[in-house]
Amino acid sequence: MSGLVPLNSSMSNIQQFVPSLFGSVRSLSNVESSIQNSKLVHTFADTNSLSMIMNAWLAAWQQSQGDTYDTTAYSHCPSTDKQLIAFLAGYIKTNSTLNLCMPSLTRTSSHVKDSYKYVYSNSGYSRMPFFTNNAWNYGVISSSGGTSKGSYAHATVADFLYFLYFGAHFVVPSASSDNGGSTAIGNLYAAVNATFNAGTGLGQLDWSWDKFNSHYSAAAWINTSGYYYLSINSDSEPSTNPLLCAFLCGKTADVNSNTFFQLEGWQNHFPYADGWHSKDYDSYNATLWNFSTFGACAYSEKRSTPIFLAGPDFSLDINGDTMMPLYVGAGSPQNWMNTNLLTTS
């Protein structure tokens, strides 16, 4: 597979679209060009396909909440995508004090010698509530799509889906020590297990254990807490035609943990060498940008630029040692942090 196969108007060619994202359009040089041009995100898909995916996910979210939705966009959304989107919407509704907390990043001219590992400046985090007067802050995604935030009317749900699309690293601080001693925020990792993996939980067979990942792990250790949605064991698009194929959810620590999640490019499975996941990891190491199925972005915990789904008592103050807010799993400098790639202003 080489060139991109854009989604058609009915999104009936996902079987061809997804594998094409792992062809020539995934060239590292294309991502490096976006980095050079001071972008914070890069899409492997065309802007129309980006827009169609986000509209399908937004419609699935709205339908799950009993709100008005675009019936055509909803009909295009894969059934397994609908299940995960509904779960995320339900979790956030249950924990309705959560805010989408975004770092304000600007690429500087500094970078590691002979590389595209640029230094970014973070001028601070902003809070965006998911609800106003008990109504979801949905936003409107334009039909023209786009590779910048200017392509849609901003509101929290639309922004959340946008950065999910690009593979941003999200952290949900639920530990009481991160919330002023409060336990009001439910643990997302526990909710995933209770809903999908325990007993006769909904769709339990759709998740698979991630045997190892490098998130929140010292150099000599690995994180084995992760679960992938869906359960995919090869570099091929399943016949059910999902779009959300590599949603990874895991723990930030062994004790009193918070939860992290992100949409990866593809699942980590045997054999590892030269597979879709392995090649993305090489590109990640070259840039310290996160890589999703559909794009890449600068929002990674390893460069101290995660996005938070956080309650009102979580402090967004940037710590001078970790270069990001402190939380369980990142409460002190760790060898996986690249604090030299971030400044504050």
Protein backbone atom coordinates (compact mmCIF):
# COMPACT_ATOMS: atom_id res chain seq x y z
CA MET A 1 0.00 0.00 0.00
CA SER A 2 1.47 3.37 -0.92
CA GLY A 3 -0.82 6.35 -1.51
CA LEU A 4 -3.73 7.48 0.64
CA VAL A 5 -7.20 6.10 -0.12
CA PRO A 6 -9.55 8.84 1.17
CA LEU A 7 -12.83 7.90 2.80
CA ASN A 8 -15.70 7.91 0.33
CA SER A 9 -18.93 9.79 1.00
CA SER A 10 -20.58 6.85 2.77
CA MET A 11 -17.42 5.81 4.66
CA SER A 12 -17.92 2.31 3.25
CA ASN A 13 -14.25 1.91 2.27
CA ILE A 14 -12.67 1.88 5.74
CA GLN A 15 -11.15 -1.49 4.80
CA GLN A 16 -9.00 0.31 2.22
CA PHE A 17 -8.66 3.66 4.03
CA VAL A 18 -7.01 2.48 7.26
CA PRO A 19 -4.21 0.37 5.67
CA SER A 20 -3.44 3.25 3.30
CA LEU A 21 -2.59 5.41 6.33
CA PHE A 22 0.43 3.17 6.91
CA GLY A 23 1.83 3.73 3.41
CA SER A 24 3.78 6.62 1.95
CA VAL A 25 1.60 9.28 3.64
CA ARG A 26 3.12 8.15 6.95
CA SER A 27 6.57 9.28 5.90
CA LEU A 28 8.52 10.71 8.82
CA SER A 29 9.67 13.55 6.59
CA ASN A 30 6.05 14.71 6.26
CA VAL A 31 5.72 14.95 10.03
CA GLU A 32 9.08 16.67 10.30
CA SER A 33 7.88 19.24 7.75
CA SER A 34 4.90 20.08 9.99
CA ILE A 35 7.23 20.37 12.98
CA GLN A 36 9.52 22.65 10.99
CA ASN A 37 6.48 24.80 10.13
CA SER A 38 5.58 25.17 13.84
CA LYS A 39 2.46 23.00 13.65
CA LEU A 40 1.32 21.13 16.76
CA VAL A 41 -0.50 18.39 14.84
CA HIS A 42 -0.09 16.54 11.54
CA THR A 43 -2.76 14.46 9.79
CA PHE A 44 -1.97 11.46 7.62
CA ALA A 45 -5.51 11.52 6.23
CA ASP A 46 -6.97 14.17 3.96
CA THR A 47 -8.95 16.96 5.59
CA ASN A 48 -12.31 15.66 4.33
CA SER A 49 -11.68 12.23 5.87
CA LEU A 50 -10.61 13.92 9.11
CA SER A 51 -13.85 15.88 9.19
CA MET A 52 -15.99 12.83 8.43
CA ILE A 53 -14.38 10.81 11.21
CA MET A 54 -14.82 13.54 13.77
CA ASN A 55 -18.42 14.17 12.75
CA ALA A 56 -19.15 10.44 13.07
CA TRP A 57 -17.62 10.35 16.55
CA LEU A 58 -19.44 13.53 17.59
CA ALA A 59 -22.76 12.12 16.39
CA ALA A 60 -22.09 8.90 18.33
CA TRP A 61 -21.39 10.93 21.47
CA GLN A 62 -24.56 12.99 21.06
CA GLN A 63 -26.73 9.95 20.33
CA SER A 64 -25.44 8.16 23.42
CA GLN A 65 -26.48 11.14 25.53
CA GLY A 66 -29.96 11.45 24.09
CA ASP A 67 -29.15 14.73 22.33
CA THR A 68 -29.83 15.87 18.79
CA TYR A 69 -27.35 14.32 16.35
CA ASP A 70 -26.56 14.08 12.65
CA THR A 71 -28.22 10.82 11.62
CA THR A 72 -26.11 10.46 8.48
CA ALA A 73 -22.82 10.94 10.33
CA TYR A 74 -24.04 8.52 13.02
CA SER A 75 -24.85 5.87 10.43
CA HIS A 76 -21.27 6.11 9.15
CA CYS A 77 -19.74 5.50 12.60
CA PRO A 78 -18.54 1.90 13.12
CA SER A 79 -20.45 0.01 15.82
CA THR A 80 -17.35 -0.61 17.93
CA ASP A 81 -16.45 3.09 17.76
CA LYS A 82 -19.95 3.90 19.01
CA GLN A 83 -19.42 1.59 21.99
CA LEU A 84 -16.17 3.23 23.10
CA ILE A 85 -17.40 6.78 22.46
CA ALA A 86 -20.55 6.07 24.51
CA PHE A 87 -18.41 4.70 27.35
CA LEU A 88 -16.17 7.79 27.41
CA ALA A 89 -19.17 10.12 27.30
CA GLY A 90 -20.83 8.17 30.11
CA TYR A 91 -17.72 8.27 32.29
CA ILE A 92 -17.36 12.03 31.85
CA LYS A 93 -21.06 12.60 32.55
CA THR A 94 -20.76 10.59 35.77
CA ASN A 95 -17.74 12.71 36.68
CA SER A 96 -19.25 15.95 35.42
CA THR A 97 -16.81 18.26 37.20
CA LEU A 98 -14.03 17.16 34.83
CA ASN A 99 -12.45 19.80 32.61
CA LEU A 100 -10.38 19.42 29.47
CA CYS A 101 -7.08 21.00 30.49
CA MET A 102 -4.85 22.02 27.59
CA PRO A 103 -1.25 23.27 27.61
CA SER A 104 -0.62 26.37 25.51
CA LEU A 105 2.36 25.35 23.38
CA THR A 106 4.61 27.26 21.01
CA ARG A 107 7.53 25.75 19.15
CA THR A 108 10.80 27.56 19.82
CA SER A 109 13.82 27.68 17.52
CA SER A 110 15.84 25.43 19.83
CA HIS A 111 16.19 21.73 19.18
CA VAL A 112 18.43 18.79 19.89
CA LYS A 113 21.38 18.92 17.49
CA ASP A 114 20.79 17.21 14.14
CA SER A 115 17.23 16.20 15.04
CA TYR A 116 13.61 17.32 14.94
CA LYS A 117 13.27 17.13 18.73
CA TYR A 118 12.30 20.77 19.15
CA VAL A 119 11.89 22.63 22.41
CA TYR A 120 8.37 23.94 23.06
CA SER A 121 7.27 26.72 25.36
CA ASN A 122 4.23 26.17 27.59
CA SER A 123 2.58 29.39 28.75
CA GLY A 124 0.24 27.47 31.04
CA TYR A 125 -2.83 25.23 31.14
CA SER A 126 -6.41 26.30 30.49
CA ARG A 127 -9.59 24.59 31.74
CA MET A 128 -12.52 23.89 29.43
CA PRO A 129 -15.66 22.51 31.13
CA PHE A 130 -17.56 19.68 29.47
CA PHE A 131 -20.86 21.09 30.74
CA THR A 132 -22.49 24.51 30.99
CA ASN A 133 -25.82 24.63 32.85
CA ASN A 134 -26.00 20.80 32.63
CA ALA A 135 -25.68 20.88 28.82
CA TRP A 136 -22.75 19.39 26.93
CA ASN A 137 -20.36 21.87 25.32
CA TYR A 138 -20.26 20.08 21.97
CA GLY A 139 -18.87 22.48 19.39
CA VAL A 140 -19.43 22.19 15.64
CA ILE A 141 -17.04 20.43 13.29
CA SER A 142 -16.93 21.98 9.83
CA SER A 143 -17.49 19.93 6.70
CA SER A 144 -14.15 21.06 5.31
CA GLY A 145 -12.12 19.53 8.11
CA GLY A 146 -8.63 20.92 8.43
CA THR A 147 -5.33 20.42 10.20
CA SER A 148 -5.61 23.33 12.61
CA LYS A 149 -7.98 24.13 15.41
CA GLY A 150 -9.43 26.87 13.26
CA SER A 151 -11.40 24.29 11.27
CA TYR A 152 -14.28 24.08 13.73
CA ALA A 153 -16.18 26.00 16.39
CA HIS A 154 -14.37 25.17 19.58
CA ALA A 155 -16.08 23.55 22.50
CA THR A 156 -14.90 20.89 24.86
CA VAL A 157 -16.25 17.71 23.28
CA ALA A 158 -15.11 18.68 19.77
CA ASP A 159 -11.66 19.61 21.08
CA PHE A 160 -11.41 16.34 23.00
CA LEU A 161 -12.25 14.29 19.91
CA TYR A 162 -9.86 16.35 17.81
CA PHE A 163 -6.87 15.64 20.03
CA LEU A 164 -7.92 12.01 20.48
CA TYR A 165 -7.76 11.73 16.67
CA PHE A 166 -4.16 13.00 16.69
CA GLY A 167 -2.93 10.67 19.45
CA ALA A 168 -2.55 13.10 22.34
CA HIS A 169 -1.63 11.63 25.71
CA PHE A 170 -4.47 12.15 28.20
CA VAL A 171 -4.19 11.81 31.97
CA VAL A 172 -7.20 11.51 34.30
CA PRO A 173 -6.02 12.39 37.84
CA SER A 174 -8.39 10.54 40.18
CA ALA A 175 -6.02 9.88 43.10
CA SER A 176 -7.21 11.70 46.21
CA SER A 177 -3.73 13.14 46.72
CA ASP A 178 -4.10 14.90 43.37
CA ASN A 179 -7.53 16.28 44.22
CA GLY A 180 -7.11 18.01 47.54
CA GLY A 181 -7.87 14.82 49.45
CA SER A 182 -11.15 14.30 47.58
CA THR A 183 -12.17 11.01 45.98
CA ALA A 184 -14.92 12.61 43.90
CA ILE A 185 -13.29 11.67 40.56
CA GLY A 186 -13.86 8.03 39.62
CA ASN A 187 -10.87 6.00 38.46
CA LEU A 188 -11.13 5.56 34.68
CA TYR A 189 -8.95 2.44 34.61
CA ALA A 190 -11.23 0.78 37.16
CA ALA A 191 -14.26 1.82 35.10
CA VAL A 192 -12.79 0.21 31.98
CA ASN A 193 -12.25 -3.06 33.83
CA ALA A 194 -15.66 -3.00 35.50
CA THR A 195 -17.45 -2.22 32.24
CA PHE A 196 -15.55 -4.29 29.70
CA ASN A 197 -13.23 -6.80 31.33
CA ALA A 198 -14.95 -8.16 34.43
CA GLY A 199 -17.47 -11.00 34.55
CA THR A 200 -20.06 -10.56 31.83
CA GLY A 201 -19.19 -6.90 31.25
CA LEU A 202 -20.28 -5.25 28.03
CA GLY A 203 -18.04 -6.17 25.12
CA GLN A 204 -15.41 -7.85 27.30
CA LEU A 205 -13.92 -9.70 24.34
CA ASP A 206 -13.27 -6.45 22.48
CA TRP A 207 -10.33 -5.51 24.74
CA SER A 208 -6.91 -7.13 24.84
CA TRP A 209 -4.07 -6.95 27.35
CA ASP A 210 -1.09 -4.91 26.18
CA LYS A 211 1.84 -7.08 27.17
CA PHE A 212 4.16 -4.12 27.61
CA ASN A 213 4.47 -0.40 26.95
CA SER A 214 6.95 2.29 27.91
CA HIS A 215 4.57 4.78 29.54
CA TYR A 216 5.53 5.74 33.11
CA SER A 217 8.29 3.13 33.09
CA ALA A 218 11.92 3.39 34.12
CA ALA A 219 14.44 2.27 31.53
CA ALA A 220 14.81 -1.20 33.03
CA TRP A 221 11.09 -1.84 33.48
CA ILE A 222 7.92 -1.95 31.44
CA ASN A 223 4.29 -1.04 32.09
CA THR A 224 2.11 -4.15 31.87
CA SER A 225 -1.15 -2.56 33.03
CA GLY A 226 -2.35 -1.50 29.58
CA TYR A 227 -5.44 -2.63 27.73
CA TYR A 228 -6.09 -2.08 24.03
CA TYR A 229 -9.42 -1.49 22.37
CA LEU A 230 -9.97 -3.44 20.17
CA SER A 231 -8.37 -6.89 20.31
CA ILE A 232 -6.27 -6.99 17.12
CA ASN A 233 -3.29 -9.30 16.63
CA SER A 234 -2.08 -8.45 13.13
CA ASP A 235 -1.23 -5.49 10.92
CA SER A 236 -4.52 -5.59 9.07
CA GLU A 237 -7.87 -3.85 9.37
CA PRO A 238 -10.51 -6.14 10.96
CA SER A 239 -13.50 -7.10 8.85
CA THR A 240 -15.77 -5.13 11.23
CA ASN A 241 -14.12 -1.95 9.86
CA PRO A 242 -13.41 -0.06 13.10
CA LEU A 243 -11.72 3.35 13.08
CA LEU A 244 -10.75 3.21 16.76
CA CYS A 245 -8.32 0.32 16.50
CA ALA A 246 -5.56 1.14 19.01
CA PHE A 247 -7.04 2.94 22.02
CA LEU A 248 -4.60 2.25 24.89
CA CYS A 249 -5.63 2.70 28.53
CA GLY A 250 -3.31 2.07 31.48
CA LYS A 251 -2.16 3.00 34.98
CA THR A 252 0.33 5.75 35.80
CA ALA A 253 1.59 3.95 38.91
CA ASP A 254 1.28 0.67 40.80
CA VAL A 255 -0.38 2.20 43.89
CA ASN A 256 -3.13 4.86 44.13
CA SER A 257 -2.83 5.19 40.38
CA ASN A 258 -4.28 7.66 37.95
CA THR A 259 -5.24 6.63 34.40
CA PHE A 260 -3.67 7.50 31.08
CA PHE A 261 -5.05 6.86 27.62
CA GLN A 262 -4.22 7.70 24.03
CA LEU A 263 -5.03 6.52 20.54
CA GLU A 264 -1.89 4.82 19.28
CA GLY A 265 -1.07 4.15 15.65
CA TRP A 266 -1.54 0.41 15.87
CA GLN A 267 -1.42 -2.22 18.56
CA ASN A 268 1.78 -3.70 19.89
CA HIS A 269 1.68 -7.42 19.05
CA PHE A 270 3.95 -10.31 18.10
CA PRO A 271 6.05 -10.24 15.99
CA TYR A 272 7.18 -6.73 16.95
CA ALA A 273 10.00 -6.07 14.52
CA ASP A 274 9.15 -4.02 11.41
CA GLY A 275 5.42 -3.92 12.20
CA TRP A 276 3.18 -0.86 12.08
CA HIS A 277 3.58 -0.23 15.81
CA SER A 278 7.36 -0.69 15.73
CA LYS A 279 7.79 1.76 12.85
CA ASP A 280 5.67 4.35 14.65
CA TYR A 281 7.80 3.92 17.76
CA ASP A 282 10.90 4.67 15.70
CA SER A 283 9.24 7.83 14.37
CA TYR A 284 8.20 8.77 17.90
CA ASN A 285 11.79 8.40 19.11
CA ALA A 286 12.97 10.65 16.27
CA THR A 287 10.57 13.47 17.16
CA LEU A 288 9.02 12.78 20.60
CA TRP A 289 5.67 13.40 18.94
CA ASN A 290 2.85 10.94 19.61
CA PHE A 291 1.62 8.91 16.62
CA SER A 292 -2.00 7.79 16.23
CA THR A 293 -3.69 5.81 13.47
CA PHE A 294 -4.63 9.06 11.74
CA GLY A 295 -1.99 11.62 12.66
CA ALA A 296 0.67 12.83 15.07
CA CYS A 297 0.97 15.59 17.66
CA ALA A 298 3.25 17.28 20.19
CA TYR A 299 1.14 16.30 23.23
CA SER A 300 3.16 13.59 25.00
CA GLU A 301 3.86 12.98 28.68
CA LYS A 302 7.48 12.21 27.80
CA ARG A 303 8.03 15.79 26.66
CA SER A 304 5.94 17.05 29.64
CA THR A 305 2.99 18.14 27.49
CA PRO A 306 0.07 15.85 28.42
CA ILE A 307 -3.57 16.89 28.25
CA PHE A 308 -5.59 16.39 31.44
CA LEU A 309 -9.19 15.45 32.11
CA ALA A 310 -9.14 16.91 35.61
CA GLY A 311 -11.46 17.98 38.37
CA PRO A 312 -11.57 21.47 39.92
CA ASP A 313 -9.19 20.56 42.78
CA PHE A 314 -6.38 19.31 40.56
CA SER A 315 -3.55 21.85 40.44
CA LEU A 316 -2.42 22.88 36.97
CA ASP A 317 0.65 24.68 38.30
CA ILE A 318 3.72 23.67 36.32
CA ASN A 319 6.43 22.15 38.49
CA GLY A 320 9.93 23.43 37.77
CA ASP A 321 11.46 19.96 38.03
CA THR A 322 9.04 17.92 35.90
CA MET A 323 7.97 20.87 33.69
CA MET A 324 4.31 19.83 34.02
CA PRO A 325 1.71 19.60 36.79
CA LEU A 326 2.52 17.03 39.45
CA TYR A 327 0.40 13.88 39.67
CA VAL A 328 0.72 10.30 40.91
CA GLY A 329 2.98 8.61 38.36
CA ALA A 330 4.81 11.88 37.61
CA GLY A 331 5.28 13.34 41.08
CA SER A 332 9.02 13.82 40.73
CA PRO A 333 11.61 13.83 37.93
CA GLN A 334 11.73 10.48 36.13
CA ASN A 335 14.23 9.20 33.58
CA TRP A 336 11.48 8.92 30.94
CA MET A 337 10.85 12.68 31.11
CA ASN A 338 12.55 14.92 28.56
CA THR A 339 12.32 18.15 30.52
CA ASN A 340 15.01 19.71 28.33
CA LEU A 341 12.40 19.91 25.56
CA LEU A 342 10.07 22.30 27.40
CA THR A 343 10.31 25.80 28.76
CA THR A 344 7.69 27.87 30.56
CA SER A 345 6.69 31.45 29.97
